[in-house]
């Protein structure tokens, strides 16, 4: 069974550790089995590619590499700072995520 993670695709996150500490970006993909996420503009690597239909010239392309979930925090929608995530039932008895710093619900 896979673990429930605190971030989802489309969330705005801030990196809290490592080489890219302090950078913000949007989550493009979450790799649940590896507990990693690909964040826009963070952890860029150079990848050597052979010529193909998408890239007829081939060569070196820059792309995002996965970063571990533990090094990411969600950005609080109210304050714009890093926050932890909680889960609670809303009015319709549906489980929703909320920012622990401001209490704001995360869409």
PDB file of N, CA and C in Angstrom:
ATOM      1  N   UNK A   1       0.832  -1.189   0.000  1.00  0.00           N
ATOM      2  CA  UNK A   1       0.000   0.000   0.000  1.00  0.00           C
ATOM      3  C   UNK A   1       0.877   1.253   0.000  1.00  0.00           C
ATOM      4  N   UNK A   2       0.495   2.252  -0.776  1.00  0.00           N
ATOM      5  CA  UNK A   2       1.307   3.458  -0.866  1.00  0.00           C
ATOM      6  C   UNK A   2       0.995   4.426   0.267  1.00  0.00           C
ATOM      7  N   UNK A   3       1.996   5.227   0.614  1.00  0.00           N
ATOM      8  CA  UNK A   3       1.889   6.174   1.711  1.00  0.00           C
ATOM      9  C   UNK A   3       1.139   7.429   1.256  1.00  0.00           C
ATOM     10  N   UNK A   4       0.374   8.042   2.163  1.00  0.00           N
ATOM     11  CA  UNK A   4      -0.343   9.289   1.873  1.00  0.00           C
ATOM     12  C   UNK A   4       0.657  10.440   2.009  1.00  0.00           C
ATOM     13  N   UNK A   5       0.809  11.223   0.947  1.00  0.00           N
ATOM     14  CA  UNK A   5       1.782  12.307   0.949  1.00  0.00           C
ATOM     15  C   UNK A   5       1.109  13.656   1.176  1.00  0.00           C
ATOM     16  N   UNK A   6       1.872  14.628   1.663  1.00  0.00           N
ATOM     17  CA  UNK A   6       1.317  15.930   1.998  1.00  0.00           C
ATOM     18  C   UNK A   6       1.253  16.900   0.823  1.00  0.00           C
ATOM     19  N   UNK A   7       1.850  16.545  -0.320  1.00  0.00           N
ATOM     20  CA  UNK A   7       1.751  17.435  -1.480  1.00  0.00           C
ATOM     21  C   UNK A   7       1.128  16.707  -2.663  1.00  0.00           C
ATOM     22  N   UNK A   8       0.534  17.488  -3.546  1.00  0.00           N
ATOM     23  CA  UNK A   8      -0.112  16.950  -4.737  1.00  0.00           C
ATOM     24  C   UNK A   8       0.368  17.711  -5.966  1.00  0.00           C
ATOM     25  N   UNK A   9       0.092  17.168  -7.124  1.00  0.00           N
ATOM     26  CA  UNK A   9       0.396  17.829  -8.384  1.00  0.00           C
ATOM     27  C   UNK A   9      -0.357  19.164  -8.433  1.00  0.00           C
ATOM     28  N   UNK A  10       0.350  20.220  -8.845  1.00  0.00           N
ATOM     29  CA  UNK A  10      -0.276  21.531  -8.953  1.00  0.00           C
ATOM     30  C   UNK A  10      -0.061  22.426  -7.739  1.00  0.00           C
ATOM     31  N   UNK A  11       0.415  21.862  -6.608  1.00  0.00           N
ATOM     32  CA  UNK A  11       0.685  22.655  -5.409  1.00  0.00           C
ATOM     33  C   UNK A  11       1.896  23.558  -5.626  1.00  0.00           C
ATOM     34  N   UNK A  12       1.907  24.700  -4.952  1.00  0.00           N
ATOM     35  CA  UNK A  12       3.093  25.553  -4.926  1.00  0.00           C
ATOM     36  C   UNK A  12       3.868  25.200  -3.670  1.00  0.00           C
ATOM     37  N   UNK A  13       5.149  24.839  -3.863  1.00  0.00           N
ATOM     38  CA  UNK A  13       5.970  24.395  -2.738  1.00  0.00           C
ATOM     39  C   UNK A  13       7.236  25.229  -2.630  1.00  0.00           C
ATOM     40  N   UNK A  14       7.862  25.163  -1.455  1.00  0.00           N
ATOM     41  CA  UNK A  14       9.143  25.819  -1.214  1.00  0.00           C
ATOM     42  C   UNK A  14      10.118  24.748  -0.756  1.00  0.00           C
ATOM     43  N   UNK A  15      11.361  24.816  -1.243  1.00  0.00           N
ATOM     44  CA  UNK A  15      12.376  23.837  -0.865  1.00  0.00           C
ATOM     45  C   UNK A  15      12.982  24.276   0.460  1.00  0.00           C
ATOM     46  N   UNK A  16      12.994  23.373   1.453  1.00  0.00           N
ATOM     47  CA  UNK A  16      13.472  23.738   2.793  1.00  0.00           C
ATOM     48  C   UNK A  16      14.842  23.172   3.135  1.00  0.00           C
ATOM     49  N   UNK A  17      15.474  22.452   2.223  1.00  0.00           N
ATOM     50  CA  UNK A  17      16.800  21.894   2.500  1.00  0.00           C
ATOM     51  C   UNK A  17      17.537  21.617   1.198  1.00  0.00           C
ATOM     52  N   UNK A  18      18.856  21.586   1.286  1.00  0.00           N
ATOM     53  CA  UNK A  18      19.673  21.214   0.148  1.00  0.00           C
ATOM     54  C   UNK A  18      20.110  22.395  -0.704  1.00  0.00           C
ATOM     55  N   UNK A  19      20.628  22.086  -1.860  1.00  0.00           N
ATOM     56  CA  UNK A  19      21.205  23.070  -2.786  1.00  0.00           C
ATOM     57  C   UNK A  19      20.196  24.133  -3.232  1.00  0.00           C
ATOM     58  N   UNK A  20      18.934  23.763  -3.332  1.00  0.00           N
ATOM     59  CA  UNK A  20      17.896  24.668  -3.851  1.00  0.00           C
ATOM     60  C   UNK A  20      17.042  25.281  -2.747  1.00  0.00           C
ATOM     61  N   UNK A  21      17.555  25.303  -1.524  1.00  0.00           N
ATOM     62  CA  UNK A  21      16.821  25.829  -0.367  1.00  0.00           C
ATOM     63  C   UNK A  21      16.324  27.253  -0.629  1.00  0.00           C
ATOM     64  N   UNK A  22      15.038  27.469  -0.339  1.00  0.00           N
ATOM     65  CA  UNK A  22      14.439  28.792  -0.512  1.00  0.00           C
ATOM     66  C   UNK A  22      13.726  28.997  -1.836  1.00  0.00           C
ATOM     67  N   UNK A  23      13.984  28.125  -2.811  1.00  0.00           N
ATOM     68  CA  UNK A  23      13.336  28.270  -4.119  1.00  0.00           C
ATOM     69  C   UNK A  23      11.898  27.773  -4.070  1.00  0.00           C
ATOM     70  N   UNK A  24      11.038  28.457  -4.826  1.00  0.00           N
ATOM     71  CA  UNK A  24       9.631  28.056  -4.927  1.00  0.00           C
ATOM     72  C   UNK A  24       9.347  27.553  -6.316  1.00  0.00           C
ATOM     73  N   UNK A  25       8.335  26.707  -6.432  1.00  0.00           N
ATOM     74  CA  UNK A  25       7.929  26.207  -7.732  1.00  0.00           C
ATOM     75  C   UNK A  25       6.642  25.424  -7.627  1.00  0.00           C
ATOM     76  N   UNK A  26       6.100  25.108  -8.793  1.00  0.00           N
ATOM     77  CA  UNK A  26       4.855  24.350  -8.875  1.00  0.00           C
ATOM     78  C   UNK A  26       5.201  22.871  -9.068  1.00  0.00           C
ATOM     79  N   UNK A  27       4.477  21.997  -8.385  1.00  0.00           N
ATOM     80  CA  UNK A  27       4.716  20.558  -8.508  1.00  0.00           C
ATOM     81  C   UNK A  27       4.147  20.079  -9.844  1.00  0.00           C
ATOM     82  N   UNK A  28       5.028  19.508 -10.676  1.00  0.00           N
ATOM     83  CA  UNK A  28       4.620  19.014 -11.988  1.00  0.00           C
ATOM     84  C   UNK A  28       4.173  17.554 -11.918  1.00  0.00           C
ATOM     85  N   UNK A  29       4.813  16.786 -11.028  1.00  0.00           N
ATOM     86  CA  UNK A  29       4.518  15.351 -10.928  1.00  0.00           C
ATOM     87  C   UNK A  29       4.936  14.851  -9.544  1.00  0.00           C
ATOM     88  N   UNK A  30       4.188  13.895  -9.002  1.00  0.00           N
ATOM     89  CA  UNK A  30       4.543  13.269  -7.725  1.00  0.00           C
ATOM     90  C   UNK A  30       4.777  11.784  -7.974  1.00  0.00           C
ATOM     91  N   UNK A  31       5.966  11.306  -7.589  1.00  0.00           N
ATOM     92  CA  UNK A  31       6.313   9.894  -7.735  1.00  0.00           C
ATOM     93  C   UNK A  31       6.092   9.235  -6.377  1.00  0.00           C
ATOM     94  N   UNK A  32       4.903   8.668  -6.181  1.00  0.00           N
ATOM     95  CA  UNK A  32       4.468   8.168  -4.881  1.00  0.00           C
ATOM     96  C   UNK A  32       5.357   7.028  -4.374  1.00  0.00           C
ATOM     97  N   UNK A  33       5.694   6.079  -5.234  1.00  0.00           N
ATOM     98  CA  UNK A  33       6.473   4.918  -4.812  1.00  0.00           C
ATOM     99  C   UNK A  33       7.864   5.316  -4.314  1.00  0.00           C
ATOM    100  N   UNK A  34       8.461   6.340  -4.923  1.00  0.00           N
ATOM    101  CA  UNK A  34       9.805   6.775  -4.536  1.00  0.00           C
ATOM    102  C   UNK A  34       9.788   7.932  -3.543  1.00  0.00           C
ATOM    103  N   UNK A  35       8.594   8.419  -3.180  1.00  0.00           N
ATOM    104  CA  UNK A  35       8.419   9.562  -2.284  1.00  0.00           C
ATOM    105  C   UNK A  35       9.195  10.782  -2.772  1.00  0.00           C
ATOM    106  N   UNK A  36       9.050  11.072  -4.053  1.00  0.00           N
ATOM    107  CA  UNK A  36       9.740  12.204  -4.665  1.00  0.00           C
ATOM    108  C   UNK A  36       8.765  13.011  -5.502  1.00  0.00           C
ATOM    109  N   UNK A  37       9.148  14.253  -5.799  1.00  0.00           N
ATOM    110  CA  UNK A  37       8.311  15.120  -6.625  1.00  0.00           C
ATOM    111  C   UNK A  37       9.192  15.882  -7.602  1.00  0.00           C
ATOM    112  N   UNK A  38       8.629  16.205  -8.764  1.00  0.00           N
ATOM    113  CA  UNK A  38       9.319  17.030  -9.751  1.00  0.00           C
ATOM    114  C   UNK A  38       8.725  18.426  -9.642  1.00  0.00           C
ATOM    115  N   UNK A  39       9.590  19.405  -9.323  1.00  0.00           N
ATOM    116  CA  UNK A  39       9.160  20.785  -9.104  1.00  0.00           C
ATOM    117  C   UNK A  39       9.719  21.658 -10.225  1.00  0.00           C
ATOM    118  N   UNK A  40       8.848  22.502 -10.781  1.00  0.00           N
ATOM    119  CA  UNK A  40       9.196  23.378 -11.890  1.00  0.00           C
ATOM    120  C   UNK A  40      10.371  24.296 -11.530  1.00  0.00           C
ATOM    121  N   UNK A  41      11.456  24.219 -12.315  1.00  0.00           N
ATOM    122  CA  UNK A  41      12.607  25.105 -12.140  1.00  0.00           C
ATOM    123  C   UNK A  41      13.541  24.744 -11.000  1.00  0.00           C
ATOM    124  N   UNK A  42      13.308  23.624 -10.331  1.00  0.00           N
ATOM    125  CA  UNK A  42      14.145  23.215  -9.201  1.00  0.00           C
ATOM    126  C   UNK A  42      14.847  21.904  -9.527  1.00  0.00           C
ATOM    127  N   UNK A  43      16.124  21.780  -9.103  1.00  0.00           N
ATOM    128  CA  UNK A  43      16.924  20.572  -9.320  1.00  0.00           C
ATOM    129  C   UNK A  43      17.106  20.277 -10.813  1.00  0.00           C
ATOM    130  N   UNK A  44      17.556  21.282 -11.551  1.00  0.00           N
ATOM    131  CA  UNK A  44      17.766  21.140 -12.998  1.00  0.00           C
ATOM    132  C   UNK A  44      19.025  20.305 -13.272  1.00  0.00           C
ATOM    133  N   UNK A  45      18.913  19.365 -14.209  1.00  0.00           N
ATOM    134  CA  UNK A  45      20.048  18.540 -14.618  1.00  0.00           C
ATOM    135  C   UNK A  45      20.202  18.613 -16.131  1.00  0.00           C
ATOM    136  N   UNK A  46      21.425  18.346 -16.606  1.00  0.00           N
ATOM    137  CA  UNK A  46      21.686  18.305 -18.042  1.00  0.00           C
ATOM    138  C   UNK A  46      21.561  16.864 -18.503  1.00  0.00           C
ATOM    139  N   UNK A  47      20.722  16.645 -19.506  1.00  0.00           N
ATOM    140  CA  UNK A  47      20.516  15.286 -20.020  1.00  0.00           C
ATOM    141  C   UNK A  47      20.975  15.233 -21.471  1.00  0.00           C
ATOM    142  N   UNK A  48      21.844  14.275 -21.781  1.00  0.00           N
ATOM    143  CA  UNK A  48      22.325  14.099 -23.151  1.00  0.00           C
ATOM    144  C   UNK A  48      21.320  13.242 -23.907  1.00  0.00           C
ATOM    145  N   UNK A  49      20.843  13.735 -25.053  1.00  0.00           N
ATOM    146  CA  UNK A  49      19.836  12.993 -25.812  1.00  0.00           C
ATOM    147  C   UNK A  49      20.307  12.708 -27.228  1.00  0.00           C
ATOM    148  N   UNK A  50      19.889  11.555 -27.707  1.00  0.00           N
ATOM    149  CA  UNK A  50      20.132  11.200 -29.110  1.00  0.00           C
ATOM    150  C   UNK A  50      19.122  11.945 -29.962  1.00  0.00           C
ATOM    151  N   UNK A  51      19.426  12.141 -31.230  1.00  0.00           N
ATOM    152  CA  UNK A  51      18.410  12.754 -32.103  1.00  0.00           C
ATOM    153  C   UNK A  51      17.161  11.881 -32.180  1.00  0.00           C
ATOM    154  N   UNK A  52      15.991  12.518 -32.053  1.00  0.00           N
ATOM    155  CA  UNK A  52      14.721  11.803 -32.169  1.00  0.00           C
ATOM    156  C   UNK A  52      13.689  12.731 -32.798  1.00  0.00           C
ATOM    157  N   UNK A  53      12.450  12.269 -32.910  1.00  0.00           N
ATOM    158  CA  UNK A  53      11.398  13.064 -33.560  1.00  0.00           C
ATOM    159  C   UNK A  53      11.167  14.393 -32.843  1.00  0.00           C
ATOM    160  N   UNK A  54      11.163  14.366 -31.519  1.00  0.00           N
ATOM    161  CA  UNK A  54      10.912  15.580 -30.747  1.00  0.00           C
ATOM    162  C   UNK A  54      12.098  16.536 -30.806  1.00  0.00           C
ATOM    163  N   UNK A  55      13.300  15.982 -30.835  1.00  0.00           N
ATOM    164  CA  UNK A  55      14.521  16.790 -30.848  1.00  0.00           C
ATOM    165  C   UNK A  55      15.439  16.274 -31.963  1.00  0.00           C
ATOM    166  N   UNK A  56      15.224  16.718 -33.223  1.00  0.00           N
ATOM    167  CA  UNK A  56      15.967  16.159 -34.359  1.00  0.00           C
ATOM    168  C   UNK A  56      17.479  16.387 -34.273  1.00  0.00           C
ATOM    169  N   UNK A  57      17.898  17.434 -33.589  1.00  0.00           N
ATOM    170  CA  UNK A  57      19.314  17.762 -33.477  1.00  0.00           C
ATOM    171  C   UNK A  57      20.010  16.909 -32.418  1.00  0.00           C
ATOM    172  N   UNK A  58      19.256  16.486 -31.387  1.00  0.00           N
ATOM    173  CA  UNK A  58      19.863  15.786 -30.267  1.00  0.00           C
ATOM    174  C   UNK A  58      20.577  16.804 -29.389  1.00  0.00           C
ATOM    175  N   UNK A  59      21.551  16.357 -28.599  1.00  0.00           N
ATOM    176  CA  UNK A  59      22.354  17.280 -27.798  1.00  0.00           C
ATOM    177  C   UNK A  59      21.982  17.253 -26.329  1.00  0.00           C
ATOM    178  N   UNK A  60      22.308  18.347 -25.637  1.00  0.00           N
ATOM    179  CA  UNK A  60      22.121  18.432 -24.191  1.00  0.00           C
ATOM    180  C   UNK A  60      20.895  19.276 -23.889  1.00  0.00           C
ATOM    181  N   UNK A  61      19.965  18.704 -23.109  1.00  0.00           N
ATOM    182  CA  UNK A  61      18.776  19.466 -22.704  1.00  0.00           C
ATOM    183  C   UNK A  61      18.746  19.584 -21.178  1.00  0.00           C
ATOM    184  N   UNK A  62      18.187  20.675 -20.696  1.00  0.00           N
ATOM    185  CA  UNK A  62      18.031  20.889 -19.249  1.00  0.00           C
ATOM    186  C   UNK A  62      16.635  20.420 -18.858  1.00  0.00           C
ATOM    187  N   UNK A  63      16.544  19.637 -17.790  1.00  0.00           N
ATOM    188  CA  UNK A  63      15.242  19.193 -17.314  1.00  0.00           C
ATOM    189  C   UNK A  63      15.268  19.049 -15.793  1.00  0.00           C
ATOM    190  N   UNK A  64      14.061  19.032 -15.185  1.00  0.00           N
ATOM    191  CA  UNK A  64      13.943  18.905 -13.742  1.00  0.00           C
ATOM    192  C   UNK A  64      14.118  17.451 -13.315  1.00  0.00           C
ATOM    193  N   UNK A  65      14.862  17.253 -12.247  1.00  0.00           N
ATOM    194  CA  UNK A  65      15.017  15.919 -11.661  1.00  0.00           C
ATOM    195  C   UNK A  65      14.170  15.865 -10.389  1.00  0.00           C
ATOM    196  N   UNK A  66      13.759  14.659  -9.984  1.00  0.00           N
ATOM    197  CA  UNK A  66      12.936  14.538  -8.773  1.00  0.00           C
ATOM    198  C   UNK A  66      13.694  14.982  -7.525  1.00  0.00           C
ATOM    199  N   UNK A  67      12.961  15.521  -6.565  1.00  0.00           N
ATOM    200  CA  UNK A  67      13.510  15.948  -5.278  1.00  0.00           C
ATOM    201  C   UNK A  67      12.674  15.273  -4.187  1.00  0.00           C
ATOM    202  N   UNK A  68      13.311  14.890  -3.082  1.00  0.00           N
ATOM    203  CA  UNK A  68      12.609  14.124  -2.047  1.00  0.00           C
ATOM    204  C   UNK A  68      11.530  14.974  -1.371  1.00  0.00           C
ATOM    205  N   UNK A  69      10.400  14.340  -1.094  1.00  0.00           N
ATOM    206  CA  UNK A  69       9.232  15.001  -0.495  1.00  0.00           C
ATOM    207  C   UNK A  69       9.573  15.680   0.838  1.00  0.00           C
ATOM    208  N   UNK A  70      10.482  15.072   1.606  1.00  0.00           N
ATOM    209  CA  UNK A  70      10.832  15.616   2.920  1.00  0.00           C
ATOM    210  C   UNK A  70      11.518  16.979   2.813  1.00  0.00           C
ATOM    211  N   UNK A  71      12.048  17.310   1.654  1.00  0.00           N
ATOM    212  CA  UNK A  71      12.717  18.598   1.448  1.00  0.00           C
ATOM    213  C   UNK A  71      11.772  19.666   0.919  1.00  0.00           C
ATOM    214  N   UNK A  72      10.479  19.375   0.890  1.00  0.00           N
ATOM    215  CA  UNK A  72       9.490  20.319   0.367  1.00  0.00           C
ATOM    216  C   UNK A  72       8.453  20.667   1.423  1.00  0.00           C
ATOM    217  N   UNK A  73       8.033  21.937   1.432  1.00  0.00           N
ATOM    218  CA  UNK A  73       6.929  22.391   2.276  1.00  0.00           C
ATOM    219  C   UNK A  73       5.944  23.133   1.396  1.00  0.00           C
ATOM    220  N   UNK A  74       4.683  22.998   1.700  1.00  0.00           N
ATOM    221  CA  UNK A  74       3.667  23.731   0.956  1.00  0.00           C
ATOM    222  C   UNK A  74       3.723  25.208   1.314  1.00  0.00           C
ATOM    223  N   UNK A  75       3.417  26.077   0.343  1.00  0.00           N
ATOM    224  CA  UNK A  75       3.377  27.512   0.590  1.00  0.00           C
ATOM    225  C   UNK A  75       1.987  27.869   1.085  1.00  0.00           C
ATOM    226  N   UNK A  76       1.920  28.568   2.224  1.00  0.00           N
ATOM    227  CA  UNK A  76       0.656  28.996   2.823  1.00  0.00           C
ATOM    228  C   UNK A  76      -0.042  29.975   1.889  1.00  0.00           C
ATOM    229  N   UNK A  77      -1.317  29.716   1.513  1.00  0.00           N
ATOM    230  CA  UNK A  77      -2.023  30.610   0.578  1.00  0.00           C
ATOM    231  C   UNK A  77      -2.215  32.025   1.126  1.00  0.00           C
ATOM    232  N   UNK A  78      -2.244  32.170   2.462  1.00  0.00           N
ATOM    233  CA  UNK A  78      -2.466  33.486   3.072  1.00  0.00           C
ATOM    234  C   UNK A  78      -1.169  34.273   3.241  1.00  0.00           C
ATOM    235  N   UNK A  79      -0.147  33.639   3.850  1.00  0.00           N
ATOM    236  CA  UNK A  79       1.087  34.354   4.192  1.00  0.00           C
ATOM    237  C   UNK A  79       2.180  34.242   3.134  1.00  0.00           C
ATOM    238  N   UNK A  80       2.131  33.209   2.305  1.00  0.00           N
ATOM    239  CA  UNK A  80       3.176  33.016   1.294  1.00  0.00           C
ATOM    240  C   UNK A  80       4.440  32.384   1.846  1.00  0.00           C
ATOM    241  N   UNK A  81       4.372  31.882   3.092  1.00  0.00           N
ATOM    242  CA  UNK A  81       5.517  31.231   3.718  1.00  0.00           C
ATOM    243  C   UNK A  81       5.281  29.727   3.822  1.00  0.00           C
ATOM    244  N   UNK A  82       6.341  28.984   4.153  1.00  0.00           N
ATOM    245  CA  UNK A  82       6.249  27.530   4.286  1.00  0.00           C
ATOM    246  C   UNK A  82       5.341  27.169   5.461  1.00  0.00           C
ATOM    247  N   UNK A  83       4.548  26.109   5.278  1.00  0.00           N
ATOM    248  CA  UNK A  83       3.651  25.659   6.334  1.00  0.00           C
ATOM    249  C   UNK A  83       3.529  24.144   6.317  1.00  0.00           C
ATOM    250  N   UNK A  84       3.158  23.598   7.463  1.00  0.00           N
ATOM    251  CA  UNK A  84       2.833  22.173   7.533  1.00  0.00           C
ATOM    252  C   UNK A  84       1.385  22.001   7.105  1.00  0.00           C
ATOM    253  N   UNK A  85       1.009  20.759   6.825  1.00  0.00           N
ATOM    254  CA  UNK A  85      -0.323  20.442   6.322  1.00  0.00           C
ATOM    255  C   UNK A  85      -1.070  19.590   7.338  1.00  0.00           C
ATOM    256  N   UNK A  86      -2.346  19.896   7.526  1.00  0.00           N
ATOM    257  CA  UNK A  86      -3.213  19.063   8.350  1.00  0.00           C
ATOM    258  C   UNK A  86      -4.403  18.639   7.519  1.00  0.00           C
ATOM    259  N   UNK A  87      -5.147  17.665   8.031  1.00  0.00           N
ATOM    260  CA  UNK A  87      -6.371  17.232   7.345  1.00  0.00           C
ATOM    261  C   UNK A  87      -7.519  17.327   8.333  1.00  0.00           C
ATOM    262  N   UNK A  88      -8.665  17.818   7.857  1.00  0.00           N
ATOM    263  CA  UNK A  88      -9.858  17.906   8.697  1.00  0.00           C
ATOM    264  C   UNK A  88     -11.099  17.802   7.837  1.00  0.00           C
ATOM    265  N   UNK A  89     -12.226  17.533   8.475  1.00  0.00           N
ATOM    266  CA  UNK A  89     -13.499  17.450   7.758  1.00  0.00           C
ATOM    267  C   UNK A  89     -14.061  18.860   7.587  1.00  0.00           C
ATOM    268  N   UNK A  90     -14.558  19.150   6.370  1.00  0.00           N
ATOM    269  CA  UNK A  90     -15.197  20.458   6.151  1.00  0.00           C
ATOM    270  C   UNK A  90     -16.700  20.340   6.390  1.00  0.00           C
ATOM    271  N   UNK A  91     -17.453  21.376   6.016  1.00  0.00           N
ATOM    272  CA  UNK A  91     -18.906  21.415   6.252  1.00  0.00           C
ATOM    273  C   UNK A  91     -19.636  20.224   5.620  1.00  0.00           C
ATOM    274  N   UNK A  92     -19.160  19.791   4.461  1.00  0.00           N
ATOM    275  CA  UNK A  92     -19.832  18.701   3.724  1.00  0.00           C
ATOM    276  C   UNK A  92     -19.324  17.314   4.139  1.00  0.00           C
ATOM    277  N   UNK A  93     -18.656  17.224   5.292  1.00  0.00           N
ATOM    278  CA  UNK A  93     -18.064  15.965   5.759  1.00  0.00           C
ATOM    279  C   UNK A  93     -17.071  15.374   4.763  1.00  0.00           C
ATOM    280  N   UNK A  94     -16.317  16.260   4.116  1.00  0.00           N
ATOM    281  CA  UNK A  94     -15.294  15.835   3.172  1.00  0.00           C
ATOM    282  C   UNK A  94     -13.934  16.188   3.761  1.00  0.00           C
ATOM    283  N   UNK A  95     -12.965  15.262   3.656  1.00  0.00           N
ATOM    284  CA  UNK A  95     -11.632  15.488   4.203  1.00  0.00           C
ATOM    285  C   UNK A  95     -10.875  16.466   3.303  1.00  0.00           C
ATOM    286  N   UNK A  96     -10.426  17.574   3.877  1.00  0.00           N
ATOM    287  CA  UNK A  96      -9.684  18.580   3.113  1.00  0.00           C
ATOM    288  C   UNK A  96      -8.353  18.878   3.805  1.00  0.00           C
ATOM    289  N   UNK A  97      -7.387  19.359   3.013  1.00  0.00           N
ATOM    290  CA  UNK A  97      -6.096  19.763   3.571  1.00  0.00           C
ATOM    291  C   UNK A  97      -6.172  21.229   3.991  1.00  0.00           C
ATOM    292  N   UNK A  98      -5.478  21.569   5.065  1.00  0.00           N
ATOM    293  CA  UNK A  98      -5.435  22.973   5.490  1.00  0.00           C
ATOM    294  C   UNK A  98      -4.019  23.326   5.956  1.00  0.00           C
ATOM    295  N   UNK A  99      -3.703  24.612   5.855  1.00  0.00           N
ATOM    296  CA  UNK A  99      -2.394  25.103   6.286  1.00  0.00           C
ATOM    297  C   UNK A  99      -2.420  25.283   7.797  1.00  0.00           C
ATOM    298  N   UNK A 100      -1.464  24.685   8.489  1.00  0.00           N
ATOM    299  CA  UNK A 100      -1.445  24.758   9.950  1.00  0.00           C
ATOM    300  C   UNK A 100      -1.112  26.155  10.449  1.00  0.00           C
ATOM    301  N   UNK A 101      -0.366  26.960   9.669  1.00  0.00           N
ATOM    302  CA  UNK A 101       0.015  28.306  10.108  1.00  0.00           C
ATOM    303  C   UNK A 101      -1.175  29.255  10.146  1.00  0.00           C
ATOM    304  N   UNK A 102      -1.967  29.262   9.051  1.00  0.00           N
ATOM    305  CA  UNK A 102      -3.055  30.229   8.967  1.00  0.00           C
ATOM    306  C   UNK A 102      -4.433  29.604   9.161  1.00  0.00           C
ATOM    307  N   UNK A 103      -4.532  28.295   9.072  1.00  0.00           N
ATOM    308  CA  UNK A 103      -5.818  27.610   9.166  1.00  0.00           C
ATOM    309  C   UNK A 103      -6.593  27.644   7.866  1.00  0.00           C
ATOM    310  N   UNK A 104      -5.988  28.228   6.830  1.00  0.00           N
ATOM    311  CA  UNK A 104      -6.619  28.362   5.502  1.00  0.00           C
ATOM    312  C   UNK A 104      -6.739  26.998   4.819  1.00  0.00           C
ATOM    313  N   UNK A 105      -7.870  26.753   4.181  1.00  0.00           N
ATOM    314  CA  UNK A 105      -8.091  25.510   3.442  1.00  0.00           C
ATOM    315  C   UNK A 105      -7.303  25.567   2.131  1.00  0.00           C
ATOM    316  N   UNK A 106      -6.723  24.436   1.738  1.00  0.00           N
ATOM    317  CA  UNK A 106      -5.932  24.366   0.507  1.00  0.00           C
ATOM    318  C   UNK A 106      -6.785  23.746  -0.591  1.00  0.00           C
ATOM    319  N   UNK A 107      -6.903  24.468  -1.677  1.00  0.00           N
ATOM    320  CA  UNK A 107      -7.712  23.987  -2.799  1.00  0.00           C
ATOM    321  C   UNK A 107      -6.921  23.023  -3.644  1.00  0.00           C
TER     322      UNK A 107
END
